[in-house]
Amino acid sequence: MDVINLRISRKRYTKIQSVATRCFKYFGTRNPLLVLEEMEIPYSFINLEGDLKGFTNINQNRKHWVYINNKYDDYSVKIIAAHELGHIILHRFDEINMLDEYCAHSKSEYEANIFAIEFMPQIKALDLICEELSDIEFQNYICSKLKQLK
């Protein structure tokens, strides 16, 4: 499935953007690992097979635990952690969230990628005002930002 087919409304995009901004303002950092620590969400670096970059698990007590593949550099780890943080904040009732490719294959993966992009603005592809874009340009803008996550 191509990312472009996972269209989200501008309203939903703006909501995710707002949540990412509020998260930054509340915690005072764009380092997702520090945010996880502040939220008392443990994370571990483990050897994950294949293309699996990371995932969030929720135990029986509804506590989150983030697992990140240990083969990535510090910058990539932060992007993966920001993606998982997006799942925790946006999709907190999902049982398990897995990031197996940076091109999303579900709406929740797509939204977690958008959260990561907005939370860590240094990975933004363009600094455009979304209201000025056509629907196709808007979706292509999101895709271009997601491609930087490779």
C-alpha atoms as a PDB file:
ATOM      1  CA  MET A   1       0.000   0.000   0.000  1.00  0.00           C
ATOM      2  CA  ASP A   2       1.345   3.413  -0.922  1.00  0.00           C
ATOM      3  CA  VAL A   3       1.411   6.186   1.697  1.00  0.00           C
ATOM      4  CA  ILE A   4      -0.547   8.500  -0.583  1.00  0.00           C
ATOM      5  CA  ASN A   5      -3.571   6.188  -0.205  1.00  0.00           C
ATOM      6  CA  LEU A   6      -3.653   6.762   3.556  1.00  0.00           C
ATOM      7  CA  ARG A   7      -5.146  10.204   3.247  1.00  0.00           C
ATOM      8  CA  ILE A   8      -5.969  12.062   6.410  1.00  0.00           C
ATOM      9  CA  SER A   9      -7.905  15.281   6.640  1.00  0.00           C
ATOM     10  CA  ARG A  10      -6.222  18.598   7.179  1.00  0.00           C
ATOM     11  CA  LYS A  11      -8.169  18.820  10.429  1.00  0.00           C
ATOM     12  CA  ARG A  12      -6.620  15.546  11.677  1.00  0.00           C
ATOM     13  CA  TYR A  13      -3.158  16.641  10.498  1.00  0.00           C
ATOM     14  CA  THR A  14      -3.559  19.943  12.353  1.00  0.00           C
ATOM     15  CA  LYS A  15      -4.692  18.056  15.469  1.00  0.00           C
ATOM     16  CA  ILE A  16      -1.583  15.814  15.389  1.00  0.00           C
ATOM     17  CA  GLN A  17       0.579  18.901  14.789  1.00  0.00           C
ATOM     18  CA  SER A  18      -1.042  20.593  17.801  1.00  0.00           C
ATOM     19  CA  VAL A  19      -0.537  17.535  20.027  1.00  0.00           C
ATOM     20  CA  ALA A  20       3.164  17.382  19.066  1.00  0.00           C
ATOM     21  CA  THR A  21       3.593  21.089  19.818  1.00  0.00           C
ATOM     22  CA  ARG A  22       1.823  20.783  23.173  1.00  0.00           C
ATOM     23  CA  CYS A  23       4.011  17.797  24.039  1.00  0.00           C
ATOM     24  CA  PHE A  24       7.148  19.838  23.316  1.00  0.00           C
ATOM     25  CA  LYS A  25       5.897  22.825  25.323  1.00  0.00           C
ATOM     26  CA  TYR A  26       4.846  20.675  28.280  1.00  0.00           C
ATOM     27  CA  PHE A  27       8.091  18.708  28.529  1.00  0.00           C
ATOM     28  CA  GLY A  28      10.395  21.484  27.289  1.00  0.00           C
ATOM     29  CA  THR A  29      12.381  19.183  25.009  1.00  0.00           C
ATOM     30  CA  ARG A  30      12.248  17.664  21.551  1.00  0.00           C
ATOM     31  CA  ASN A  31      14.201  14.628  22.699  1.00  0.00           C
ATOM     32  CA  PRO A  32      11.612  11.827  22.729  1.00  0.00           C
ATOM     33  CA  LEU A  33      13.773   9.652  25.007  1.00  0.00           C
ATOM     34  CA  LEU A  34      13.687  12.357  27.679  1.00  0.00           C
ATOM     35  CA  VAL A  35       9.926  12.672  27.246  1.00  0.00           C
ATOM     36  CA  LEU A  36       9.512   8.907  27.702  1.00  0.00           C
ATOM     37  CA  GLU A  37      11.585   9.137  30.883  1.00  0.00           C
ATOM     38  CA  GLU A  38       9.495  12.053  32.165  1.00  0.00           C
ATOM     39  CA  MET A  39       6.343  10.055  31.438  1.00  0.00           C
ATOM     40  CA  GLU A  40       7.930   7.136  33.333  1.00  0.00           C
ATOM     41  CA  ILE A  41       7.681   4.932  30.258  1.00  0.00           C
ATOM     42  CA  PRO A  42      10.616   2.535  30.143  1.00  0.00           C
ATOM     43  CA  TYR A  43      12.394   1.774  26.906  1.00  0.00           C
ATOM     44  CA  SER A  44      14.895  -0.892  25.937  1.00  0.00           C
ATOM     45  CA  PHE A  45      17.318  -1.392  23.088  1.00  0.00           C
ATOM     46  CA  ILE A  46      17.065  -4.942  21.803  1.00  0.00           C
ATOM     47  CA  ASN A  47      18.009  -6.970  18.750  1.00  0.00           C
ATOM     48  CA  LEU A  48      14.956  -7.050  16.480  1.00  0.00           C
ATOM     49  CA  GLU A  49      14.813  -9.250  13.402  1.00  0.00           C
ATOM     50  CA  GLY A  50      14.207  -8.063   9.866  1.00  0.00           C
ATOM     51  CA  ASP A  51      13.057  -4.513   9.210  1.00  0.00           C
ATOM     52  CA  LEU A  52      11.406  -4.044  12.612  1.00  0.00           C
ATOM     53  CA  LYS A  53      12.693  -0.744  13.975  1.00  0.00           C
ATOM     54  CA  GLY A  54      10.708  -0.594  17.177  1.00  0.00           C
ATOM     55  CA  PHE A  55       7.392  -1.182  18.874  1.00  0.00           C
ATOM     56  CA  THR A  56       5.375  -0.255  21.929  1.00  0.00           C
ATOM     57  CA  ASN A  57       3.906  -2.920  24.136  1.00  0.00           C
ATOM     58  CA  ILE A  58       1.162  -2.424  26.699  1.00  0.00           C
ATOM     59  CA  ASN A  59       1.172  -4.896  29.573  1.00  0.00           C
ATOM     60  CA  GLN A  60      -1.791  -6.227  31.551  1.00  0.00           C
ATOM     61  CA  ASN A  61      -1.619  -3.229  33.906  1.00  0.00           C
ATOM     62  CA  ARG A  62      -1.948  -0.860  30.909  1.00  0.00           C
ATOM     63  CA  LYS A  63       1.702   0.241  31.284  1.00  0.00           C
ATOM     64  CA  HIS A  64       3.658   1.030  28.132  1.00  0.00           C
ATOM     65  CA  TRP A  65       7.129  -0.236  27.319  1.00  0.00           C
ATOM     66  CA  VAL A  66       8.990   0.894  24.206  1.00  0.00           C
ATOM     67  CA  TYR A  67      11.431  -1.437  22.435  1.00  0.00           C
ATOM     68  CA  ILE A  68      13.903  -0.001  19.917  1.00  0.00           C
ATOM     69  CA  ASN A  69      16.133  -1.984  17.593  1.00  0.00           C
ATOM     70  CA  ASN A  70      19.721  -1.650  18.814  1.00  0.00           C
ATOM     71  CA  LYS A  71      21.265  -1.464  15.333  1.00  0.00           C
ATOM     72  CA  TYR A  72      20.457   2.212  14.720  1.00  0.00           C
ATOM     73  CA  ASP A  73      22.495   5.366  15.353  1.00  0.00           C
ATOM     74  CA  ASP A  74      21.463   7.954  17.957  1.00  0.00           C
ATOM     75  CA  TYR A  75      19.601  10.158  15.473  1.00  0.00           C
ATOM     76  CA  SER A  76      17.579   7.246  14.075  1.00  0.00           C
ATOM     77  CA  VAL A  77      16.820   6.058  17.611  1.00  0.00           C
ATOM     78  CA  LYS A  78      15.284   9.453  18.382  1.00  0.00           C
ATOM     79  CA  ILE A  79      13.110   9.300  15.270  1.00  0.00           C
ATOM     80  CA  ILE A  80      11.953   5.789  16.193  1.00  0.00           C
ATOM     81  CA  ALA A  81      11.307   6.900  19.784  1.00  0.00           C
ATOM     82  CA  ALA A  82       9.329   9.929  18.542  1.00  0.00           C
ATOM     83  CA  HIS A  83       7.249   7.599  16.359  1.00  0.00           C
ATOM     84  CA  GLU A  84       6.541   5.325  19.344  1.00  0.00           C
ATOM     85  CA  LEU A  85       5.758   8.361  21.501  1.00  0.00           C
ATOM     86  CA  GLY A  86       3.228   9.316  18.836  1.00  0.00           C
ATOM     87  CA  HIS A  87       1.555   5.928  19.229  1.00  0.00           C
ATOM     88  CA  ILE A  88       1.467   6.298  23.008  1.00  0.00           C
ATOM     89  CA  ILE A  89      -0.102   9.737  22.845  1.00  0.00           C
ATOM     90  CA  LEU A  90      -2.343   9.341  19.791  1.00  0.00           C
ATOM     91  CA  HIS A  91      -3.252   5.632  19.995  1.00  0.00           C
ATOM     92  CA  ARG A  92      -2.884   4.849  23.673  1.00  0.00           C
ATOM     93  CA  PHE A  93      -5.550   2.155  23.637  1.00  0.00           C
ATOM     94  CA  ASP A  94      -3.968   0.033  20.894  1.00  0.00           C
ATOM     95  CA  GLU A  95      -2.515  -3.181  22.279  1.00  0.00           C
ATOM     96  CA  ILE A  96       0.724  -3.167  20.286  1.00  0.00           C
ATOM     97  CA  ASN A  97       2.274  -0.799  17.778  1.00  0.00           C
ATOM     98  CA  MET A  98       5.064  -1.901  15.457  1.00  0.00           C
ATOM     99  CA  LEU A  99       7.197   0.230  13.195  1.00  0.00           C
ATOM    100  CA  ASP A 100       8.460  -2.134  10.532  1.00  0.00           C
ATOM    101  CA  GLU A 101       8.962   0.375   7.732  1.00  0.00           C
ATOM    102  CA  TYR A 102       8.986   4.134   7.609  1.00  0.00           C
ATOM    103  CA  CYS A 103       6.341   4.135   4.908  1.00  0.00           C
ATOM    104  CA  ALA A 104       3.179   3.567   6.880  1.00  0.00           C
ATOM    105  CA  HIS A 105       0.915   0.631   6.116  1.00  0.00           C
ATOM    106  CA  SER A 106      -1.935   1.655   8.408  1.00  0.00           C
ATOM    107  CA  LYS A 107      -3.519   4.897   9.466  1.00  0.00           C
ATOM    108  CA  SER A 108      -2.104   4.635  13.007  1.00  0.00           C
ATOM    109  CA  GLU A 109       1.438   4.102  11.624  1.00  0.00           C
ATOM    110  CA  TYR A 110       0.961   7.039   9.281  1.00  0.00           C
ATOM    111  CA  GLU A 111      -0.251   9.258  12.128  1.00  0.00           C
ATOM    112  CA  ALA A 112       2.651   8.202  14.378  1.00  0.00           C
ATOM    113  CA  ASN A 113       5.038   9.156  11.557  1.00  0.00           C
ATOM    114  CA  ILE A 114       3.362  12.553  11.263  1.00  0.00           C
ATOM    115  CA  PHE A 115       3.685  13.035  15.034  1.00  0.00           C
ATOM    116  CA  ALA A 116       7.418  12.228  14.802  1.00  0.00           C
ATOM    117  CA  ILE A 117       7.862  14.714  11.966  1.00  0.00           C
ATOM    118  CA  GLU A 118       6.046  17.468  13.844  1.00  0.00           C
ATOM    119  CA  PHE A 119       7.688  16.698  17.188  1.00  0.00           C
ATOM    120  CA  MET A 120      11.176  16.773  15.655  1.00  0.00           C
ATOM    121  CA  PRO A 121      10.952  19.688  13.207  1.00  0.00           C
ATOM    122  CA  GLN A 122      14.567  19.239  12.113  1.00  0.00           C
ATOM    123  CA  ILE A 123      13.326  16.370   9.909  1.00  0.00           C
ATOM    124  CA  LYS A 124      10.706  18.448   8.089  1.00  0.00           C
ATOM    125  CA  ALA A 125      11.175  18.412   4.330  1.00  0.00           C
ATOM    126  CA  LEU A 126       9.544  21.767   3.644  1.00  0.00           C
ATOM    127  CA  ASP A 127       8.254  24.639   5.715  1.00  0.00           C
ATOM    128  CA  LEU A 128       5.013  25.232   3.866  1.00  0.00           C
ATOM    129  CA  ILE A 129       1.732  26.607   5.063  1.00  0.00           C
ATOM    130  CA  CYS A 130      -0.603  23.657   4.490  1.00  0.00           C
ATOM    131  CA  GLU A 131      -3.643  25.853   3.870  1.00  0.00           C
ATOM    132  CA  GLU A 132      -1.984  27.067   0.653  1.00  0.00           C
ATOM    133  CA  LEU A 133      -1.689  23.554  -0.789  1.00  0.00           C
ATOM    134  CA  SER A 134      -4.184  21.645  -2.906  1.00  0.00           C
ATOM    135  CA  ASP A 135      -5.319  18.263  -1.523  1.00  0.00           C
ATOM    136  CA  ILE A 136      -2.836  16.395  -3.733  1.00  0.00           C
ATOM    137  CA  GLU A 137      -0.006  18.785  -2.825  1.00  0.00           C
ATOM    138  CA  PHE A 138      -0.884  18.360   0.862  1.00  0.00           C
ATOM    139  CA  GLN A 139      -0.679  14.559   0.654  1.00  0.00           C
ATOM    140  CA  ASN A 140       2.559  14.792  -1.352  1.00  0.00           C
ATOM    141  CA  TYR A 141       3.953  17.161   1.292  1.00  0.00           C
ATOM    142  CA  ILE A 142       3.298  14.544   3.980  1.00  0.00           C
ATOM    143  CA  CYS A 143       4.887  11.845   1.804  1.00  0.00           C
ATOM    144  CA  SER A 144       7.985  13.944   1.184  1.00  0.00           C
ATOM    145  CA  LYS A 145       8.430  14.438   4.923  1.00  0.00           C
ATOM    146  CA  LEU A 146       7.969  10.727   5.606  1.00  0.00           C
ATOM    147  CA  LYS A 147      10.656   9.861   3.039  1.00  0.00           C
ATOM    148  CA  GLN A 148      13.193  11.724   5.179  1.00  0.00           C
ATOM    149  CA  LEU A 149      12.657   9.139   7.910  1.00  0.00           C
ATOM    150  CA  LYS A 150      14.647   6.532   5.958  1.00  0.00           C
END
